[in-house]
Amino acid sequence: MIEIEIDRNSGFCFGVVNAIESAERELNNGTALYCLGDIVHNNLEMERLKGLGLKTIKRDELLALKNKTVLLRAHGEPPLTYEIARNNGIDIVDATCPVVLQLQRRIKDCYNEMKETDAQLVIYGKRGHAEVNGLVGQTEGVAIVIEKPEDLERLDFSKEIVLFSQTTKSLDGFRQIVDIIKDRMTKGVRFRFFDTICRQVANRLPKIKDFVSKHNWVYFVAGQKSSNGKMLFDECKKSNPNIIFISETSEIKEPLPQEVRSVGVCGATSTPKWLMEEVATRIRALNKDTR
């Protein structure tokens, strides 16, 4: 008999839960609700919310929108978005994650303190990511975004550097960037760094790696656009090579190999629990006559 376990630590983080609940509350009240960008990087969850009436818009559509209600998702937004909303008579439902909101304030305060100096404000994160765009917006666009060690060539190590991190980046990656900068700083020049990675997200990595190592076979469920999903999957594969990335149940087409006795189902911070449960149901249906 095949054993199937759903990882209890996988699924939406607090920020995503809050954003979705905010959207559902407005929609249940009959509000015509728009969301600037995907509320979560999962197509199936987006389809579910669309069925409830949520309309997803792009930034250029926001510019043309007048006197409507717009939800800002957990990733956060730059100050310009709020300015556009005020000018267009838009009511904002602000579902920015509290962790992201706190980071925005810290970066804005830091920028205001150092903007008259030649210090460099650096953000370790994914260039173009919604959260990072919101963070850079706190600095009037001058923050330098570093994705990987090679990007550090853009910095001047003879000038002060202040480093922050996108909340969903890996701790190991951040520490690597810190160590390289420390080694390259000109002697006597100040380097300050702040670990601003969300622990609810970061702590999932050791837990999910432990989870996948306990099973013969694992299905990792996440949307194709989820950067958190890609990071977690790549790390999980190091602990268990028998792991398959899927975005929906229809991708599971065949029974598992006969030798598989234990299957794990896990996912990203953007993966709904109901989807992981559907995957488990699909696995049982395909394998019930093969054991």
Protein backbone atom coordinates (compact mmCIF):
# COMPACT_ATOMS: atom_id res chain seq x y z
CA MET A 1 0.00 0.00 0.00
CA ILE A 2 1.38 3.39 -1.00
CA GLU A 3 1.78 5.98 1.75
CA ILE A 4 1.14 9.63 0.85
CA GLU A 5 2.02 12.57 3.09
CA ILE A 6 1.30 16.27 2.51
CA ASP A 7 3.89 18.56 4.05
CA ARG A 8 2.11 20.51 6.79
CA ASN A 9 4.70 23.32 6.56
CA SER A 10 4.09 23.97 2.86
CA GLY A 11 1.50 26.35 1.49
CA PHE A 12 0.65 30.01 1.77
CA CYS A 13 2.69 32.20 4.09
CA PHE A 14 0.94 34.70 6.35
CA GLY A 15 1.26 37.55 3.86
CA VAL A 16 -0.40 35.61 1.05
CA VAL A 17 -3.17 34.33 3.36
CA ASN A 18 -3.88 37.89 4.46
CA ALA A 19 -4.00 39.19 0.88
CA ILE A 20 -6.36 36.44 -0.28
CA GLU A 21 -8.63 36.86 2.73
CA SER A 22 -8.71 40.61 2.10
CA ALA A 23 -9.73 39.99 -1.51
CA GLU A 24 -12.41 37.46 -0.53
CA ARG A 25 -13.82 39.83 2.09
CA GLU A 26 -14.18 42.68 -0.41
CA LEU A 27 -15.66 40.41 -3.08
CA ASN A 28 -18.14 38.90 -0.62
CA ASN A 29 -19.28 42.45 0.19
CA GLY A 30 -20.06 43.01 -3.46
CA THR A 31 -17.08 45.29 -4.16
CA ALA A 32 -15.87 45.46 -7.76
CA LEU A 33 -12.25 44.65 -6.93
CA TYR A 34 -9.11 45.03 -9.02
CA CYS A 35 -5.69 43.63 -8.08
CA LEU A 36 -2.46 45.15 -9.33
CA GLY A 37 -0.61 42.08 -10.59
CA ASP A 38 -1.22 38.44 -9.62
CA ILE A 39 -2.21 38.24 -5.96
CA VAL A 40 -0.27 34.97 -5.82
CA HIS A 41 1.99 33.23 -8.33
CA ASN A 42 -0.28 30.26 -8.85
CA ASN A 43 -2.50 30.08 -11.93
CA LEU A 44 -5.11 27.77 -10.42
CA GLU A 45 -5.60 29.94 -7.34
CA MET A 46 -5.81 32.96 -9.64
CA GLU A 47 -8.55 31.22 -11.64
CA ARG A 48 -10.47 30.50 -8.43
CA LEU A 49 -10.32 34.16 -7.37
CA LYS A 50 -11.24 35.29 -10.87
CA GLY A 51 -14.35 33.13 -10.53
CA LEU A 52 -15.23 35.11 -7.40
CA GLY A 53 -14.95 38.35 -9.38
CA LEU A 54 -11.36 39.50 -8.86
CA LYS A 55 -9.97 41.42 -11.84
CA THR A 56 -6.20 41.46 -12.29
CA ILE A 57 -4.69 44.53 -13.95
CA LYS A 58 -1.25 45.64 -15.10
CA ARG A 59 0.45 48.89 -14.18
CA ASP A 60 -0.51 50.68 -17.41
CA GLU A 61 -4.15 49.76 -16.74
CA LEU A 62 -3.88 51.31 -13.27
CA LEU A 63 -2.96 54.62 -14.87
CA ALA A 64 -6.26 54.64 -16.75
CA LEU A 65 -8.42 53.38 -13.87
CA LYS A 66 -10.67 55.94 -12.16
CA ASN A 67 -12.76 55.80 -8.96
CA LYS A 68 -12.39 52.04 -8.42
CA THR A 69 -11.14 49.80 -5.61
CA VAL A 70 -7.69 48.26 -6.02
CA LEU A 71 -6.03 45.66 -3.79
CA LEU A 72 -2.28 45.86 -3.30
CA ARG A 73 -0.90 42.35 -2.82
CA ALA A 74 1.55 41.12 -0.19
CA HIS A 75 4.64 42.03 -2.26
CA GLY A 76 4.18 45.74 -1.61
CA GLU A 77 4.30 48.74 -3.93
CA PRO A 78 6.50 51.82 -4.47
CA PRO A 79 5.26 55.29 -3.43
CA LEU A 80 4.34 56.10 -7.03
CA THR A 81 1.49 53.56 -6.93
CA TYR A 82 -0.12 55.35 -3.98
CA GLU A 83 0.30 58.68 -5.76
CA ILE A 84 -1.46 57.34 -8.87
CA ALA A 85 -4.28 56.02 -6.68
CA ARG A 86 -4.77 59.40 -5.01
CA ASN A 87 -4.79 61.23 -8.33
CA ASN A 88 -7.28 58.78 -9.87
CA GLY A 89 -9.71 58.61 -6.95
CA ILE A 90 -8.86 54.96 -6.33
CA ASP A 91 -9.66 53.31 -2.98
CA ILE A 92 -6.73 51.17 -1.85
CA VAL A 93 -7.12 47.86 -0.01
CA ASP A 94 -3.55 47.56 1.25
CA ALA A 95 -2.61 43.90 1.79
CA THR A 96 1.13 44.52 1.87
CA CYS A 97 2.77 41.91 4.09
CA PRO A 98 3.72 43.48 7.46
CA VAL A 99 7.26 42.11 7.08
CA VAL A 100 7.62 43.78 3.68
CA LEU A 101 6.05 47.00 4.97
CA GLN A 102 8.54 47.16 7.82
CA LEU A 103 11.42 46.60 5.39
CA GLN A 104 10.14 49.38 3.10
CA ARG A 105 10.19 51.79 6.05
CA ARG A 106 13.71 50.76 7.08
CA ILE A 107 15.04 51.23 3.56
CA LYS A 108 13.30 54.60 3.18
CA ASP A 109 14.71 55.83 6.51
CA CYS A 110 18.18 54.60 5.58
CA TYR A 111 17.99 56.27 2.18
CA ASN A 112 16.91 59.59 3.69
CA GLU A 113 19.86 59.45 6.09
CA MET A 114 22.47 58.70 3.44
CA LYS A 115 21.23 60.36 0.24
CA GLU A 116 23.45 63.40 0.75
CA THR A 117 26.50 61.13 1.03
CA ASP A 118 28.27 58.91 -1.50
CA ALA A 119 27.20 55.70 0.31
CA GLN A 120 25.62 52.92 -1.75
CA LEU A 121 22.31 51.34 -0.73
CA VAL A 122 22.21 47.77 -2.03
CA ILE A 123 19.35 45.27 -2.13
CA TYR A 124 20.01 41.55 -2.53
CA GLY A 125 17.03 40.35 -4.56
CA LYS A 126 15.57 39.45 -7.91
CA ARG A 127 15.66 42.35 -10.33
CA GLY A 128 12.16 43.20 -11.55
CA HIS A 129 10.42 41.22 -8.78
CA ALA A 130 7.35 43.02 -7.43
CA GLU A 131 8.72 43.22 -3.88
CA VAL A 132 12.08 44.50 -5.08
CA ASN A 133 10.40 47.15 -7.24
CA GLY A 134 8.59 48.35 -4.13
CA LEU A 135 11.83 48.45 -2.14
CA VAL A 136 13.76 50.31 -4.84
CA GLY A 137 10.87 52.76 -5.02
CA GLN A 138 11.60 53.82 -1.43
CA THR A 139 14.98 55.13 -2.66
CA GLU A 140 13.73 57.15 -5.63
CA GLY A 141 15.13 54.39 -7.85
CA VAL A 142 18.78 54.72 -6.82
CA ALA A 143 19.21 51.45 -4.86
CA ILE A 144 21.50 48.91 -6.54
CA VAL A 145 19.94 45.45 -6.94
CA ILE A 146 22.29 42.47 -6.64
CA GLU A 147 21.05 39.04 -7.76
CA LYS A 148 24.29 37.04 -7.71
CA PRO A 149 27.97 37.42 -6.82
CA GLU A 150 28.86 38.52 -10.35
CA ASP A 151 26.64 41.59 -9.93
CA LEU A 152 28.92 42.88 -7.18
CA GLU A 153 31.19 44.29 -9.89
CA ARG A 154 28.71 47.17 -10.04
CA LEU A 155 29.72 48.31 -6.55
CA ASP A 156 32.50 50.67 -5.51
CA PHE A 157 34.20 49.03 -2.55
CA SER A 158 36.02 52.25 -1.66
CA LYS A 159 32.68 53.82 -0.65
CA GLU A 160 30.32 52.91 2.18
CA ILE A 161 27.84 50.12 1.44
CA VAL A 162 24.55 49.40 3.23
CA LEU A 163 22.99 46.05 2.31
CA PHE A 164 19.42 44.80 2.74
CA SER A 165 17.71 41.68 1.38
CA GLN A 166 14.44 40.87 -0.33
CA THR A 167 12.38 39.02 2.29
CA THR A 168 12.12 35.75 0.33
CA LYS A 169 15.78 35.24 -0.63
CA SER A 170 17.81 32.34 0.77
CA LEU A 171 19.89 32.88 3.90
CA ASP A 172 22.87 31.05 2.38
CA GLY A 173 22.82 33.31 -0.67
CA PHE A 174 22.66 36.42 1.50
CA ARG A 175 25.54 35.25 3.68
CA GLN A 176 27.63 34.54 0.59
CA ILE A 177 27.07 38.09 -0.67
CA VAL A 178 27.96 39.52 2.76
CA ASP A 179 31.20 37.52 2.92
CA ILE A 180 32.31 38.62 -0.55
CA ILE A 181 31.62 42.29 0.17
CA LYS A 182 33.49 42.06 3.48
CA ASP A 183 36.54 40.63 1.71
CA ARG A 184 36.52 43.32 -0.99
CA MET A 185 35.85 46.44 1.09
CA THR A 186 38.65 48.98 1.23
CA LYS A 187 40.22 48.97 4.69
CA GLY A 188 38.58 51.49 6.99
CA VAL A 189 35.46 51.95 4.81
CA ARG A 190 32.18 51.11 6.57
CA PHE A 191 30.01 48.20 5.45
CA ARG A 192 26.66 47.64 7.15
CA PHE A 193 24.32 44.75 6.37
CA PHE A 194 20.88 43.84 7.62
CA ASP A 195 19.42 40.34 7.42
CA THR A 196 15.84 41.21 6.42
CA ILE A 197 14.84 37.75 5.22
CA CYS A 198 11.45 36.57 6.46
CA ARG A 199 11.97 33.71 8.88
CA GLN A 200 8.58 32.16 8.11
CA VAL A 201 9.88 31.67 4.58
CA ALA A 202 13.54 31.01 5.40
CA ASN A 203 12.76 28.43 8.08
CA ARG A 204 10.82 26.40 5.55
CA LEU A 205 13.96 25.40 3.71
CA PRO A 206 15.47 23.09 6.37
CA LYS A 207 12.02 21.73 7.19
CA ILE A 208 11.08 20.97 3.58
CA LYS A 209 14.48 19.42 2.86
CA ASP A 210 13.97 17.15 5.85
CA PHE A 211 10.46 16.30 4.60
CA VAL A 212 11.54 15.32 1.07
CA SER A 213 14.42 13.19 2.35
CA LYS A 214 11.94 10.91 4.15
CA HIS A 215 10.12 9.80 0.98
CA ASN A 216 10.94 7.57 -1.99
CA TRP A 217 9.22 9.99 -4.37
CA VAL A 218 8.10 13.62 -4.09
CA TYR A 219 5.81 15.92 -6.05
CA PHE A 220 6.68 19.57 -5.58
CA VAL A 221 3.67 21.74 -6.46
CA ALA A 222 4.14 25.39 -7.45
CA GLY A 223 3.29 27.92 -10.13
CA GLN A 224 5.76 28.41 -12.97
CA LYS A 225 6.15 32.10 -12.04
CA SER A 226 6.91 31.48 -8.35
CA SER A 227 10.50 32.52 -7.56
CA ASN A 228 10.10 31.02 -4.08
CA GLY A 229 8.94 27.77 -5.69
CA LYS A 230 11.96 27.61 -7.98
CA MET A 231 14.36 28.24 -5.09
CA LEU A 232 12.76 25.64 -2.82
CA PHE A 233 12.56 23.03 -5.58
CA ASP A 234 16.24 23.44 -6.51
CA GLU A 235 17.22 23.02 -2.86
CA CYS A 236 14.90 20.02 -2.35
CA LYS A 237 16.40 18.27 -5.35
CA LYS A 238 19.73 18.23 -3.53
CA SER A 239 18.09 16.18 -0.75
CA ASN A 240 16.05 13.89 -3.00
CA PRO A 241 16.65 13.50 -6.76
CA ASN A 242 13.30 11.69 -7.11
CA ILE A 243 11.35 14.95 -6.97
CA ILE A 244 9.06 16.20 -9.72
CA PHE A 245 7.97 19.83 -10.21
CA ILE A 246 4.31 20.16 -11.23
CA SER A 247 1.84 23.05 -11.36
CA GLU A 248 -1.40 21.09 -11.60
CA THR A 249 -2.74 17.56 -11.11
CA SER A 250 -3.15 16.86 -14.85
CA GLU A 251 0.65 16.70 -15.15
CA ILE A 252 0.61 13.41 -13.22
CA LYS A 253 -0.24 10.95 -15.98
CA GLU A 254 1.15 7.55 -14.97
CA PRO A 255 1.34 5.28 -11.91
CA LEU A 256 4.49 5.43 -9.85
CA PRO A 257 7.22 2.78 -10.14
CA GLN A 258 6.35 -0.39 -8.25
CA GLU A 259 9.20 0.05 -5.79
CA VAL A 260 7.86 3.40 -4.54
CA ARG A 261 6.15 2.99 -1.17
CA SER A 262 6.27 6.51 0.26
CA VAL A 263 5.26 9.70 -1.58
CA GLY A 264 5.56 13.26 -0.32
CA VAL A 265 3.59 16.25 -1.59
CA CYS A 266 4.94 19.71 -0.82
CA GLY A 267 5.03 23.19 -2.32
CA ALA A 268 5.94 26.86 -2.20
CA THR A 269 4.61 29.76 -0.16
CA SER A 270 2.33 30.46 -3.13
CA THR A 271 0.87 26.93 -3.31
CA PRO A 272 -2.67 26.50 -1.94
CA LYS A 273 -3.37 23.59 0.40
CA TRP A 274 -6.38 22.56 -1.66
CA LEU A 275 -4.13 21.99 -4.67
CA MET A 276 -1.73 19.76 -2.72
CA GLU A 277 -4.74 17.79 -1.50
CA GLU A 278 -5.93 17.35 -5.11
CA VAL A 279 -2.47 16.07 -6.04
CA ALA A 280 -2.63 13.49 -3.23
CA THR A 281 -6.07 12.38 -4.48
CA ARG A 282 -4.71 12.05 -8.02
CA ILE A 283 -1.79 9.91 -6.82
CA ARG A 284 -4.17 7.57 -4.97
CA ALA A 285 -6.44 7.25 -8.02
CA LEU A 286 -3.59 6.39 -10.37
CA ASN A 287 -1.92 3.90 -8.05
CA LYS A 288 -4.82 2.09 -6.37
CA ASP A 289 -4.76 -0.86 -8.78
CA THR A 290 -0.98 -1.15 -9.06
CA ARG A 291 -0.02 -2.06 -5.50
